[in-house]
Amino acid sequence: MNRLAKCLANYVPLTPLTFIKRASAVYSDRTSVIYNGVHYNWSQTYERCCRLAYSLRSLNVVKNDVVSVLAPNVPALYEMHFAVPMAGAVLNAMNTRLDAKNIATILRHSEAKLFFVDYEFVPLASQGLRLLMSERVDNNTSNQPTMPMVIVIDDIKNPTGVRLDNKLEYEQLVQDGNPQYKGEDVEDEWDAIALSYTSGTTSAPKGVVSSHRAAYLSTVSLIQGWEMGTEPVYLWSLPMFHCNGWTFTWGVAARGGTNVLIRHTTADEMYKSIANYKVTHMCCAPVVLNILLEAKSHERRDLASSKVKILTGGAPPPAALLEKMEEFGFEITHAYGLTEATGPALVCEWWSRWNELPRRHQSRLKARQGVSILSLSDVDVKDTKTMESVPRDGKTMGEIVLRGSSIMKGYLNDDEENAKAFRDGWFLTGDVGVIHPDGYIEIKDRLKDVIISGGENISSLEVESVLFKHHAVLEAAVVAMPHPRWGESPCAFVVLKNTCEATEQEILAYCKNNMPRFMVPKKVEFVKRLPKTSTGKILKHELRKVARYFYTR
């Protein structure tokens, strides 16, 4: 058997680029993209990608060059998920909520060759470029930051005419490209396809490099795990800069679906799109669930005729929220992922027998992060001091570790962080969790956010989940604060709903009735808003700085 050799017929590098080529042949007349009155089918989308890839090569883009993009969910950003790797390059989709300093940092670190900027973000990008240029002026060494060529993405339906000095514009590149160009061959599935930067809650963002292999396998695993059938209508309520849209940029093409793109994630935009285009699937962070729930009456639409499947990540949605979403016509699946895992790594697969359980019990099960997607070979919860697995009792906490082909290649130019992230054949996530007897994993906290009070480990997420169930609470974050006897104790920062009122005593009494005594916060601080990163993650280290000065009773 060892004499049987690989050849072009039986061994092809795995890449999600095959999805759009197939879509153009199999689903050519199906609608691929809908955006602000603009419609494309899969044949047209593939041709536009081929044209753009050719133009990128004409601009001297070669293998492993980084092409950065600062844009909301518009057709250009979707097309670049295929066109950039077709040209052999690596896509870096930037977070549109970054400030100029972070943009300059990423452009410098990635050494981006091209920088595509949506017309709305030209002023912000210009600030970032000026900062990068000032570094060149101040830096007299040979290690000068690279200045990228900048290309404006104008509005596709109503062009604004916004341009930069070189006058280059996205649509012109598409029109000038060769429709017969089919892209560079992917020679090695280990080659990089995307460079994504972590949000950096406590440190500088890290550049996560994903391979063609990881992107392909993660995409296939997610459309299978979420049971996404053929002809889905997918609403882009999740920014594509989040792990390449959790790989659904490529996944919708694989299923011959329709991408409904929206520029702003507002309740009105989402409900209108769901009703007008009969949306079947969407992904979002938990904050978007609140946007949908708190929509004004004139913004809502009747969804009784069809269920919309939502895949959500982040903090576990409270049971009460899940029940309300079900009443509104949404079917929620909870997932867990991170940039380093090329999107979701665990999905809460649903068992039909659970449908017979009471609604509250179902909600508790849905709040678990679940089991690994197929692209992972193994997942575990370990005591990282010994690297021994914790008992499957749903109580003993350890660090969630992953192994599989959807894990990142590594952090770009960061040997120190790579050494920390990979150990004994595992990727260490930095998240604390438990394994239930049925094998389902549930996150309890970030490793650095666990509160150690009198020798007891307190999960801040568990305390937050109880707080979320209070009728007056919109958002909550729990951190450690000093305690003269216990070392640390929980401190809760709470944002109340606009229409509700509550006192600290009421919240504390509620907690005492709904959680073990040692977990009850010693302090409740009401705030108008919680500090967050550009991706919506709560900056708990900032809250810990505040909590450090609170008097504990």
Protein backbone atom coordinates (compact mmCIF):
# COMPACT_ATOMS: atom_id res chain seq x y z
CA MET A 1 0.00 0.00 0.00
CA ASN A 2 2.88 2.36 0.66
CA ARG A 3 3.71 2.30 -3.05
CA LEU A 4 0.44 4.04 -3.94
CA ALA A 5 1.38 7.65 -4.56
CA LYS A 6 -0.38 10.97 -4.30
CA CYS A 7 -1.24 12.61 -7.60
CA LEU A 8 -3.30 15.56 -8.82
CA ALA A 9 -6.34 13.31 -9.19
CA ASN A 10 -6.42 11.98 -5.64
CA TYR A 11 -4.80 14.69 -3.53
CA VAL A 12 -5.88 18.33 -3.65
CA PRO A 13 -4.96 20.86 -0.94
CA LEU A 14 -7.98 21.78 1.16
CA THR A 15 -9.11 25.38 0.71
CA PRO A 16 -12.48 27.18 0.99
CA LEU A 17 -11.77 28.73 -2.41
CA THR A 18 -13.25 25.57 -3.93
CA PHE A 19 -16.62 26.55 -2.44
CA ILE A 20 -17.14 29.61 -4.64
CA LYS A 21 -15.91 27.87 -7.78
CA ARG A 22 -18.46 25.12 -7.13
CA ALA A 23 -21.18 27.66 -6.27
CA SER A 24 -20.68 29.43 -9.60
CA ALA A 25 -21.11 26.13 -11.46
CA VAL A 26 -23.86 24.48 -9.40
CA TYR A 27 -25.79 27.49 -8.09
CA SER A 28 -24.98 30.01 -10.83
CA ASP A 29 -28.44 31.62 -11.01
CA ARG A 30 -29.13 31.65 -7.26
CA THR A 31 -28.90 34.99 -5.51
CA SER A 32 -25.56 35.23 -3.72
CA VAL A 33 -25.55 38.78 -2.35
CA ILE A 34 -28.22 41.31 -1.41
CA TYR A 35 -27.14 44.74 -0.24
CA ASN A 36 -29.09 47.99 -0.25
CA GLY A 37 -31.00 47.15 -3.43
CA VAL A 38 -28.00 45.53 -5.17
CA HIS A 39 -28.39 41.84 -6.09
CA TYR A 40 -25.78 39.42 -7.47
CA ASN A 41 -25.99 35.73 -8.32
CA TRP A 42 -23.21 33.24 -7.71
CA SER A 43 -21.95 33.42 -11.30
CA GLN A 44 -21.59 37.20 -11.00
CA THR A 45 -19.97 37.05 -7.56
CA TYR A 46 -17.40 34.51 -8.76
CA GLU A 47 -16.59 36.63 -11.81
CA ARG A 48 -16.14 39.72 -9.64
CA CYS A 49 -13.76 37.77 -7.39
CA CYS A 50 -11.75 36.56 -10.38
CA ARG A 51 -11.50 40.11 -11.73
CA LEU A 52 -10.41 41.52 -8.39
CA ALA A 53 -7.83 38.77 -7.85
CA TYR A 54 -6.33 39.58 -11.27
CA SER A 55 -6.14 43.29 -10.40
CA LEU A 56 -4.43 42.47 -7.10
CA ARG A 57 -1.77 40.53 -8.98
CA SER A 58 -1.41 43.51 -11.33
CA LEU A 59 -0.62 45.62 -8.27
CA ASN A 60 2.29 43.24 -7.53
CA VAL A 61 0.52 41.31 -4.77
CA VAL A 62 2.27 37.95 -4.38
CA LYS A 63 2.10 34.94 -2.09
CA ASN A 64 1.93 35.75 1.64
CA ASP A 65 1.49 39.49 1.10
CA VAL A 66 -1.05 40.90 3.55
CA VAL A 67 -4.06 42.80 2.22
CA SER A 68 -5.84 44.76 4.97
CA VAL A 69 -9.46 45.91 4.79
CA LEU A 70 -11.32 48.41 6.98
CA ALA A 71 -14.98 48.11 6.05
CA PRO A 72 -18.40 47.15 7.41
CA ASN A 73 -20.39 44.22 5.98
CA VAL A 74 -20.48 45.36 2.35
CA PRO A 75 -20.14 43.28 -0.87
CA ALA A 76 -16.48 44.27 -1.27
CA LEU A 77 -15.48 42.76 2.07
CA TYR A 78 -17.38 39.57 1.26
CA GLU A 79 -15.73 39.25 -2.16
CA MET A 80 -12.27 39.86 -0.72
CA HIS A 81 -12.60 36.72 1.40
CA PHE A 82 -12.20 34.85 -1.88
CA ALA A 83 -10.34 37.27 -4.16
CA VAL A 84 -7.42 37.98 -1.80
CA PRO A 85 -6.46 34.32 -1.25
CA MET A 86 -7.15 33.64 -4.95
CA ALA A 87 -4.31 36.08 -5.60
CA GLY A 88 -2.14 34.09 -3.17
CA ALA A 89 -2.32 36.77 -0.51
CA VAL A 90 -3.50 36.82 3.12
CA LEU A 91 -6.65 38.69 4.14
CA ASN A 92 -6.61 40.93 7.21
CA ALA A 93 -10.15 42.12 7.95
CA MET A 94 -9.84 44.96 10.47
CA ASN A 95 -12.22 45.76 13.27
CA THR A 96 -14.09 48.93 12.28
CA ARG A 97 -14.33 49.97 15.95
CA LEU A 98 -10.58 50.35 16.35
CA ASP A 99 -8.98 53.73 16.93
CA ALA A 100 -6.27 55.25 14.73
CA LYS A 101 -3.47 54.05 17.02
CA ASN A 102 -4.57 50.41 16.78
CA ILE A 103 -4.96 50.69 13.00
CA ALA A 104 -1.40 51.97 12.73
CA THR A 105 -0.20 49.17 15.04
CA ILE A 106 -1.82 46.48 12.87
CA LEU A 107 -0.60 47.98 9.59
CA ARG A 108 2.93 48.11 10.99
CA HIS A 109 2.88 44.61 12.52
CA SER A 110 1.26 42.93 9.49
CA GLU A 111 3.39 44.83 6.97
CA ALA A 112 0.25 45.18 4.83
CA LYS A 113 0.95 45.78 1.16
CA LEU A 114 -2.53 47.06 0.28
CA PHE A 115 -5.07 48.77 2.51
CA PHE A 116 -8.71 48.86 1.33
CA VAL A 117 -10.83 51.44 3.17
CA ASP A 118 -14.58 51.93 3.04
CA TYR A 119 -15.51 55.55 2.21
CA GLU A 120 -17.06 56.07 5.65
CA PHE A 121 -13.78 55.16 7.38
CA VAL A 122 -11.41 57.22 5.23
CA PRO A 123 -10.92 59.91 7.96
CA LEU A 124 -10.12 57.24 10.59
CA ALA A 125 -7.80 55.35 8.24
CA SER A 126 -6.06 58.60 7.31
CA GLN A 127 -5.30 59.26 10.97
CA GLY A 128 -3.85 55.78 11.30
CA LEU A 129 -1.73 56.25 8.20
CA ARG A 130 -0.42 59.59 9.49
CA LEU A 131 0.64 57.87 12.72
CA LEU A 132 2.40 55.19 10.68
CA MET A 133 4.11 57.84 8.57
CA SER A 134 5.27 59.71 11.69
CA GLU A 135 6.93 56.49 12.86
CA ARG A 136 8.88 56.41 9.60
CA VAL A 137 10.03 59.98 10.15
CA ASP A 138 11.00 59.35 13.79
CA ASN A 139 12.65 56.00 13.11
CA ASN A 140 16.13 56.49 11.68
CA THR A 141 16.96 52.78 11.66
CA SER A 142 16.62 50.36 8.78
CA ASN A 143 13.57 48.83 10.47
CA GLN A 144 11.11 51.23 8.86
CA PRO A 145 7.37 50.42 8.87
CA THR A 146 5.93 49.60 5.45
CA MET A 147 3.47 52.11 3.99
CA PRO A 148 0.64 50.28 2.19
CA MET A 149 -1.02 51.35 -1.03
CA VAL A 150 -4.51 52.63 -0.10
CA ILE A 151 -7.65 51.90 -2.12
CA VAL A 152 -11.08 53.37 -1.36
CA ILE A 153 -14.23 51.21 -1.34
CA ASP A 154 -16.98 53.58 -2.48
CA ASP A 155 -20.69 52.96 -2.04
CA ILE A 156 -21.69 50.44 -4.69
CA LYS A 157 -25.15 51.89 -5.32
CA ASN A 158 -24.70 55.61 -4.65
CA PRO A 159 -20.99 56.47 -5.14
CA THR A 160 -19.78 59.35 -3.00
CA GLY A 161 -16.69 60.17 -5.05
CA VAL A 162 -14.45 59.97 -1.96
CA ARG A 163 -10.89 59.21 -3.06
CA LEU A 164 -7.37 59.45 -1.73
CA ASP A 165 -4.35 60.85 -3.52
CA ASN A 166 -3.78 57.84 -5.79
CA LYS A 167 -7.45 57.90 -6.97
CA LEU A 168 -7.67 54.09 -6.77
CA GLU A 169 -11.18 52.69 -6.12
CA TYR A 170 -12.46 49.17 -5.54
CA GLU A 171 -15.09 48.96 -8.32
CA GLN A 172 -12.58 50.19 -10.87
CA LEU A 173 -10.23 47.35 -9.92
CA VAL A 174 -13.10 44.88 -10.38
CA GLN A 175 -13.98 46.28 -13.79
CA ASP A 176 -10.34 46.34 -14.95
CA GLY A 177 -9.72 42.73 -13.96
CA ASN A 178 -9.68 39.68 -16.20
CA PRO A 179 -12.81 37.51 -15.73
CA GLN A 180 -10.94 34.48 -17.12
CA TYR A 181 -8.35 34.56 -14.36
CA LYS A 182 -9.09 31.70 -11.95
CA GLY A 183 -6.54 32.51 -9.27
CA GLU A 184 -3.23 31.09 -8.15
CA ASP A 185 -3.08 27.41 -7.26
CA VAL A 186 -2.96 26.66 -3.55
CA GLU A 187 0.17 24.54 -3.41
CA ASP A 188 0.05 23.76 0.31
CA GLU A 189 -3.08 23.71 2.47
CA TRP A 190 -0.87 24.87 5.37
CA ASP A 191 -0.40 28.21 3.58
CA ALA A 192 -1.94 31.22 5.31
CA ILE A 193 -5.36 32.45 4.21
CA ALA A 194 -6.19 35.01 6.91
CA LEU A 195 -4.56 37.19 9.54
CA SER A 196 -6.92 38.27 12.34
CA TYR A 197 -6.04 40.38 15.34
CA THR A 198 -7.32 39.62 18.83
CA SER A 199 -9.03 42.45 20.67
CA GLY A 200 -6.32 42.68 23.33
CA THR A 201 -8.29 43.30 26.53
CA THR A 202 -5.14 43.57 28.66
CA SER A 203 -2.30 43.79 26.11
CA ALA A 204 -1.47 44.66 22.52
CA PRO A 205 -3.50 42.74 19.91
CA LYS A 206 -1.92 39.53 18.63
CA GLY A 207 -1.94 38.54 14.95
CA VAL A 208 -3.56 35.12 14.54
CA VAL A 209 -2.58 33.31 11.34
CA SER A 210 -5.08 30.78 9.93
CA SER A 211 -4.36 28.25 7.19
CA HIS A 212 -6.41 27.23 4.15
CA ARG A 213 -6.79 23.81 5.77
CA ALA A 214 -8.14 25.25 9.02
CA ALA A 215 -10.56 27.55 7.18
CA TYR A 216 -11.88 24.69 5.02
CA LEU A 217 -12.34 22.19 7.84
CA SER A 218 -13.82 24.71 10.26
CA THR A 219 -16.31 25.86 7.61
CA VAL A 220 -17.44 22.33 6.77
CA SER A 221 -17.69 21.41 10.45
CA LEU A 222 -19.81 24.45 11.31
CA ILE A 223 -22.32 24.12 8.50
CA GLN A 224 -22.69 20.47 9.52
CA GLY A 225 -22.82 21.13 13.26
CA TRP A 226 -25.41 23.88 12.86
CA GLU A 227 -27.33 21.74 10.36
CA MET A 228 -27.30 24.48 7.74
CA GLY A 229 -29.16 23.01 4.77
CA THR A 230 -29.07 24.04 1.15
CA GLU A 231 -30.27 27.50 0.07
CA PRO A 232 -29.94 29.23 3.45
CA VAL A 233 -30.65 32.95 3.62
CA TYR A 234 -27.97 34.30 5.95
CA LEU A 235 -28.23 37.73 7.60
CA TRP A 236 -24.88 39.37 8.29
CA SER A 237 -25.57 40.67 11.80
CA LEU A 238 -22.11 39.42 12.79
CA PRO A 239 -19.19 41.56 11.55
CA MET A 240 -17.07 39.74 9.00
CA PHE A 241 -13.99 40.99 10.85
CA HIS A 242 -14.91 38.58 13.69
CA CYS A 243 -12.88 35.47 12.70
CA ASN A 244 -13.89 35.95 9.06
CA GLY A 245 -17.52 35.95 10.09
CA TRP A 246 -17.01 32.69 12.03
CA THR A 247 -16.14 31.17 8.59
CA PHE A 248 -19.68 31.70 7.24
CA THR A 249 -18.20 33.99 4.60
CA TRP A 250 -17.08 30.75 3.00
CA GLY A 251 -19.87 28.58 4.45
CA VAL A 252 -22.76 30.37 2.71
CA ALA A 253 -21.00 29.80 -0.61
CA ALA A 254 -20.57 26.12 0.23
CA ARG A 255 -24.36 25.78 0.68
CA GLY A 256 -25.30 27.96 -2.29
CA GLY A 257 -27.03 30.41 0.04
CA THR A 258 -27.83 34.10 -0.02
CA ASN A 259 -25.82 36.68 1.90
CA VAL A 260 -28.02 39.51 3.15
CA LEU A 261 -25.58 42.29 4.01
CA ILE A 262 -26.42 45.17 6.32
CA ARG A 263 -24.19 48.13 7.03
CA HIS A 264 -25.47 48.76 10.57
CA THR A 265 -26.68 46.19 13.09
CA THR A 266 -29.82 48.00 14.22
CA ALA A 267 -33.12 46.45 15.24
CA ASP A 268 -34.87 48.10 12.29
CA GLU A 269 -32.32 46.85 9.74
CA MET A 270 -32.36 43.31 11.12
CA TYR A 271 -36.13 42.90 11.42
CA LYS A 272 -36.68 44.48 8.01
CA SER A 273 -34.15 42.14 6.37
CA ILE A 274 -35.56 39.08 8.13
CA ALA A 275 -39.08 39.87 6.93
CA ASN A 276 -38.24 41.02 3.39
CA TYR A 277 -35.80 38.25 2.47
CA LYS A 278 -37.10 35.38 4.64
CA VAL A 279 -33.85 35.03 6.56
CA THR A 280 -33.20 31.52 7.89
CA HIS A 281 -29.85 31.92 9.69
CA MET A 282 -27.82 34.58 11.47
CA CYS A 283 -24.93 34.79 13.94
CA CYS A 284 -24.39 37.38 16.63
CA ALA A 285 -22.91 38.29 19.99
CA PRO A 286 -25.29 38.24 22.98
CA VAL A 287 -25.60 42.05 22.89
CA VAL A 288 -27.44 41.74 19.56
CA LEU A 289 -30.01 39.48 21.20
CA ASN A 290 -30.80 42.37 23.52
CA ILE A 291 -31.10 44.73 20.55
CA LEU A 292 -33.67 42.39 18.98
CA LEU A 293 -35.59 41.96 22.24
CA GLU A 294 -35.70 45.66 23.08
CA ALA A 295 -36.75 46.79 19.61
CA LYS A 296 -39.54 49.35 19.49
CA SER A 297 -42.95 48.12 18.36
CA HIS A 298 -42.69 49.85 14.97
CA GLU A 299 -39.31 48.16 14.31
CA ARG A 300 -40.48 44.60 14.93
CA ARG A 301 -41.91 42.27 12.33
CA ASP A 302 -44.09 39.18 12.72
CA LEU A 303 -41.84 36.12 12.50
CA ALA A 304 -44.52 33.59 13.44
CA SER A 305 -44.48 31.96 10.00
CA SER A 306 -40.82 30.91 10.19
CA LYS A 307 -38.09 30.24 12.71
CA VAL A 308 -34.81 32.11 12.41
CA LYS A 309 -31.82 30.10 13.61
CA ILE A 310 -29.30 32.13 15.60
CA LEU A 311 -25.79 30.97 16.49
CA THR A 312 -24.46 33.05 19.38
CA GLY A 313 -21.18 33.05 21.27
CA GLY A 314 -19.70 34.94 24.18
CA ALA A 315 -21.19 34.84 27.66
CA PRO A 316 -23.94 32.23 28.11
CA PRO A 317 -27.34 33.82 27.39
CA PRO A 318 -29.50 33.86 30.55
CA ALA A 319 -32.33 31.32 30.54
CA ALA A 320 -34.92 34.10 30.68
CA LEU A 321 -33.44 35.74 27.58
CA LEU A 322 -33.44 32.45 25.65
CA GLU A 323 -37.10 31.90 26.49
CA LYS A 324 -38.04 35.38 25.29
CA MET A 325 -36.11 34.91 22.05
CA GLU A 326 -37.96 31.64 21.40
CA GLU A 327 -41.26 33.48 21.87
CA PHE A 328 -40.15 36.06 19.30
CA GLY A 329 -39.52 33.37 16.67
CA PHE A 330 -35.78 32.76 17.10
CA GLU A 331 -34.10 29.39 17.69
CA ILE A 332 -30.87 29.85 19.64
CA THR A 333 -27.79 27.63 19.49
CA HIS A 334 -24.93 28.49 21.82
CA ALA A 335 -21.33 28.11 20.71
CA TYR A 336 -17.87 28.78 22.05
CA GLY A 337 -14.97 29.90 19.99
CA LEU A 338 -12.00 32.17 19.70
CA THR A 339 -9.92 33.69 16.94
CA GLU A 340 -7.20 31.11 17.52
CA ALA A 341 -9.65 28.27 16.76
CA THR A 342 -10.77 29.84 13.44
CA GLY A 343 -14.15 30.71 14.96
CA PRO A 344 -16.49 28.44 16.95
CA ALA A 345 -14.84 25.34 18.39
CA LEU A 346 -17.71 23.98 20.49
CA VAL A 347 -21.40 23.91 19.60
CA CYS A 348 -24.27 22.95 21.90
CA GLU A 349 -25.67 20.11 19.79
CA TRP A 350 -29.31 19.54 20.66
CA TRP A 351 -30.78 16.14 21.51
CA SER A 352 -34.38 15.52 20.46
CA ARG A 353 -35.18 13.98 23.83
CA TRP A 354 -34.44 17.34 25.46
CA ASN A 355 -37.56 18.73 23.77
CA GLU A 356 -39.63 16.90 26.38
CA LEU A 357 -37.98 18.76 29.27
CA PRO A 358 -39.44 21.87 30.94
CA ARG A 359 -38.53 25.15 29.22
CA ARG A 360 -36.29 26.31 32.07
CA HIS A 361 -34.34 23.04 31.97
CA GLN A 362 -33.98 23.36 28.19
CA SER A 363 -32.63 26.90 28.61
CA ARG A 364 -30.02 25.71 31.10
CA LEU A 365 -28.88 23.04 28.64
CA LYS A 366 -28.74 25.56 25.79
CA ALA A 367 -26.52 27.86 27.84
CA ARG A 368 -23.77 25.22 27.81
CA GLN A 369 -21.08 25.56 25.17
CA GLY A 370 -21.37 21.92 24.12
CA VAL A 371 -19.18 19.51 22.22
CA SER A 372 -16.36 19.95 19.72
CA ILE A 373 -16.95 20.57 16.05
CA LEU A 374 -15.70 17.86 13.69
CA SER A 375 -12.47 19.66 12.73
CA LEU A 376 -11.17 19.20 16.28
CA SER A 377 -9.63 15.85 17.12
CA ASP A 378 -9.97 16.39 20.85
CA VAL A 379 -11.13 18.81 23.53
CA ASP A 380 -10.63 18.55 27.27
CA VAL A 381 -10.63 20.45 30.55
CA LYS A 382 -7.33 20.11 32.38
CA ASP A 383 -5.51 21.11 35.51
CA THR A 384 -2.71 22.90 33.66
CA LYS A 385 -0.27 22.45 36.56
CA THR A 386 -0.31 18.68 36.03
CA MET A 387 -2.00 18.54 32.57
CA GLU A 388 -4.34 15.93 34.07
CA SER A 389 -8.00 15.89 33.01
CA VAL A 390 -10.52 17.09 35.58
CA PRO A 391 -13.38 14.75 36.63
CA ARG A 392 -16.51 14.82 34.44
CA ASP A 393 -18.70 15.98 37.29
CA GLY A 394 -19.85 19.39 36.05
CA LYS A 395 -18.21 20.96 39.11
CA THR A 396 -14.43 20.65 38.99
CA MET A 397 -12.96 23.56 37.08
CA GLY A 398 -9.93 23.51 34.80
CA GLU A 399 -8.64 25.16 31.65
CA ILE A 400 -10.31 24.32 28.33
CA VAL A 401 -7.74 22.92 25.90
CA LEU A 402 -8.15 22.11 22.20
CA ARG A 403 -6.41 20.03 19.56
CA GLY A 404 -7.25 19.81 15.89
CA SER A 405 -6.85 21.03 12.34
CA SER A 406 -8.86 24.22 12.80
CA ILE A 407 -6.42 25.62 15.35
CA MET A 408 -4.31 28.57 14.18
CA LYS A 409 -0.84 28.21 12.70
CA GLY A 410 0.32 30.57 15.44
CA TYR A 411 0.75 34.22 16.36
CA LEU A 412 2.59 36.28 13.76
CA ASN A 413 6.15 37.16 14.84
CA ASP A 414 5.50 36.28 18.49
CA ASP A 415 7.51 33.28 19.63
CA GLU A 416 6.93 34.04 23.31
CA GLU A 417 3.13 33.95 23.04
CA ASN A 418 3.27 30.84 20.83
CA ALA A 419 5.28 29.05 23.50
CA LYS A 420 2.63 29.93 26.09
CA ALA A 421 -0.30 28.94 23.87
CA PHE A 422 0.90 25.48 22.82
CA ARG A 423 1.83 22.87 25.43
CA ASP A 424 2.11 19.08 25.33
CA GLY A 425 0.20 18.87 22.06
CA TRP A 426 -2.65 21.14 23.21
CA PHE A 427 -3.74 24.70 22.58
CA LEU A 428 -4.48 26.42 25.90
CA THR A 429 -7.49 28.70 25.56
CA GLY A 430 -7.17 30.65 28.81
CA ASP A 431 -10.84 29.86 29.55
CA VAL A 432 -11.98 28.00 32.65
CA GLY A 433 -14.70 25.39 32.35
CA VAL A 434 -16.17 22.12 33.57
CA ILE A 435 -17.15 18.89 31.81
CA HIS A 436 -20.57 17.47 32.59
CA PRO A 437 -21.12 13.69 32.81
CA ASP A 438 -22.61 13.73 29.28
CA GLY A 439 -19.36 15.20 27.89
CA TYR A 440 -20.75 18.69 27.31
CA ILE A 441 -18.42 21.53 28.30
CA GLU A 442 -19.57 24.65 30.10
CA ILE A 443 -17.44 27.76 30.43
CA LYS A 444 -17.13 29.17 33.91
CA ASP A 445 -14.74 32.07 33.37
CA ARG A 446 -11.63 33.48 31.82
CA LEU A 447 -8.64 32.12 33.76
CA LYS A 448 -7.68 35.60 34.90
CA ASP A 449 -11.25 36.43 35.99
CA VAL A 450 -11.78 33.59 38.50
CA ILE A 451 -12.36 35.02 42.01
CA ILE A 452 -10.61 33.13 44.83
CA SER A 453 -12.46 33.81 48.07
CA GLY A 454 -11.40 31.99 51.22
CA GLY A 455 -9.93 29.19 49.11
CA GLU A 456 -13.12 28.80 47.05
CA ASN A 457 -13.01 29.38 43.28
CA ILE A 458 -15.93 31.59 42.26
CA SER A 459 -16.91 31.83 38.61
CA SER A 460 -17.74 35.43 37.73
CA LEU A 461 -19.88 34.13 34.86
CA GLU A 462 -22.03 32.11 37.26
CA VAL A 463 -22.70 35.16 39.42
CA GLU A 464 -23.41 37.23 36.29
CA SER A 465 -25.87 34.64 34.98
CA VAL A 466 -27.92 35.00 38.18
CA LEU A 467 -27.81 38.79 37.98
CA PHE A 468 -29.03 38.69 34.36
CA LYS A 469 -32.20 36.95 35.50
CA HIS A 470 -33.21 39.96 37.63
CA HIS A 471 -35.95 41.82 35.78
CA ALA A 472 -34.20 45.21 36.10
CA VAL A 473 -30.69 44.16 34.96
CA LEU A 474 -29.58 44.87 31.39
CA GLU A 475 -25.85 44.10 31.78
CA ALA A 476 -23.64 42.88 34.60
CA ALA A 477 -19.95 42.26 35.16
CA VAL A 478 -18.47 40.68 38.27
CA VAL A 479 -14.83 41.05 39.31
CA ALA A 480 -12.69 40.43 42.38
CA MET A 481 -12.18 43.10 44.99
CA PRO A 482 -9.97 42.88 48.09
CA HIS A 483 -11.47 41.48 51.28
CA PRO A 484 -9.68 41.72 54.67
CA ARG A 485 -10.70 38.17 55.68
CA TRP A 486 -11.33 36.17 52.49
CA GLY A 487 -8.61 37.69 50.33
CA GLU A 488 -11.02 38.40 47.47
CA SER A 489 -14.78 38.75 47.20
CA PRO A 490 -17.15 39.36 44.27
CA CYS A 491 -18.03 42.92 43.25
CA ALA A 492 -20.86 43.43 40.74
CA PHE A 493 -21.06 46.30 38.26
CA VAL A 494 -24.63 46.58 37.00
CA VAL A 495 -26.32 48.47 34.16
CA LEU A 496 -30.08 48.78 34.70
CA LYS A 497 -32.66 48.76 31.93
CA ASN A 498 -33.89 52.23 30.97
CA THR A 499 -37.38 51.53 32.24
CA CYS A 500 -36.39 49.91 35.54
CA GLU A 501 -35.07 50.86 38.96
CA ALA A 502 -33.38 48.82 41.69
CA THR A 503 -31.31 49.40 44.81
CA GLU A 504 -28.13 47.69 45.94
CA GLN A 505 -30.05 46.07 48.79
CA GLU A 506 -32.63 44.63 46.37
CA ILE A 507 -29.94 43.16 44.12
CA LEU A 508 -28.04 41.67 47.06
CA ALA A 509 -31.22 40.16 48.53
CA TYR A 510 -31.99 38.65 45.13
CA CYS A 511 -28.49 37.14 44.97
CA LYS A 512 -28.77 35.67 48.47
CA ASN A 513 -31.97 33.89 47.43
CA ASN A 514 -30.48 32.50 44.21
CA MET A 515 -26.86 31.47 44.85
CA PRO A 516 -24.61 30.03 47.55
CA ARG A 517 -23.74 32.50 50.28
CA PHE A 518 -20.01 32.59 49.51
CA MET A 519 -20.74 33.65 45.91
CA VAL A 520 -22.94 36.63 46.80
CA PRO A 521 -21.32 39.96 45.82
CA LYS A 522 -20.20 42.11 48.73
CA LYS A 523 -20.75 45.24 46.66
CA VAL A 524 -23.08 46.30 43.81
CA GLU A 525 -22.05 49.36 41.85
CA PHE A 526 -24.54 50.82 39.37
CA VAL A 527 -23.02 52.28 36.19
CA LYS A 528 -24.46 53.77 33.01
CA ARG A 529 -22.27 51.59 30.80
CA LEU A 530 -19.57 48.94 31.08
CA PRO A 531 -16.10 49.54 29.57
CA LYS A 532 -15.67 47.35 26.49
CA THR A 533 -13.18 46.55 23.76
CA SER A 534 -13.87 47.33 20.13
CA THR A 535 -15.31 43.81 19.77
CA GLY A 536 -17.69 44.21 22.69
CA LYS A 537 -15.72 42.29 25.32
CA ILE A 538 -16.00 43.75 28.82
CA LEU A 539 -12.73 45.23 30.06
CA LYS A 540 -12.71 43.57 33.46
CA HIS A 541 -9.19 44.72 34.29
CA GLU A 542 -10.50 48.29 34.28
CA LEU A 543 -13.33 47.31 36.61
CA ARG A 544 -10.85 45.56 38.92
CA LYS A 545 -8.92 48.83 39.20
CA VAL A 546 -12.11 50.55 40.39
CA ALA A 547 -13.10 47.69 42.71
CA ARG A 548 -9.70 47.78 44.38
CA TYR A 549 -10.72 50.94 46.25
CA PHE A 550 -14.16 49.80 47.43
CA TYR A 551 -14.69 49.23 51.15
CA THR A 552 -15.82 45.67 51.82
CA ARG A 553 -18.22 44.96 54.66
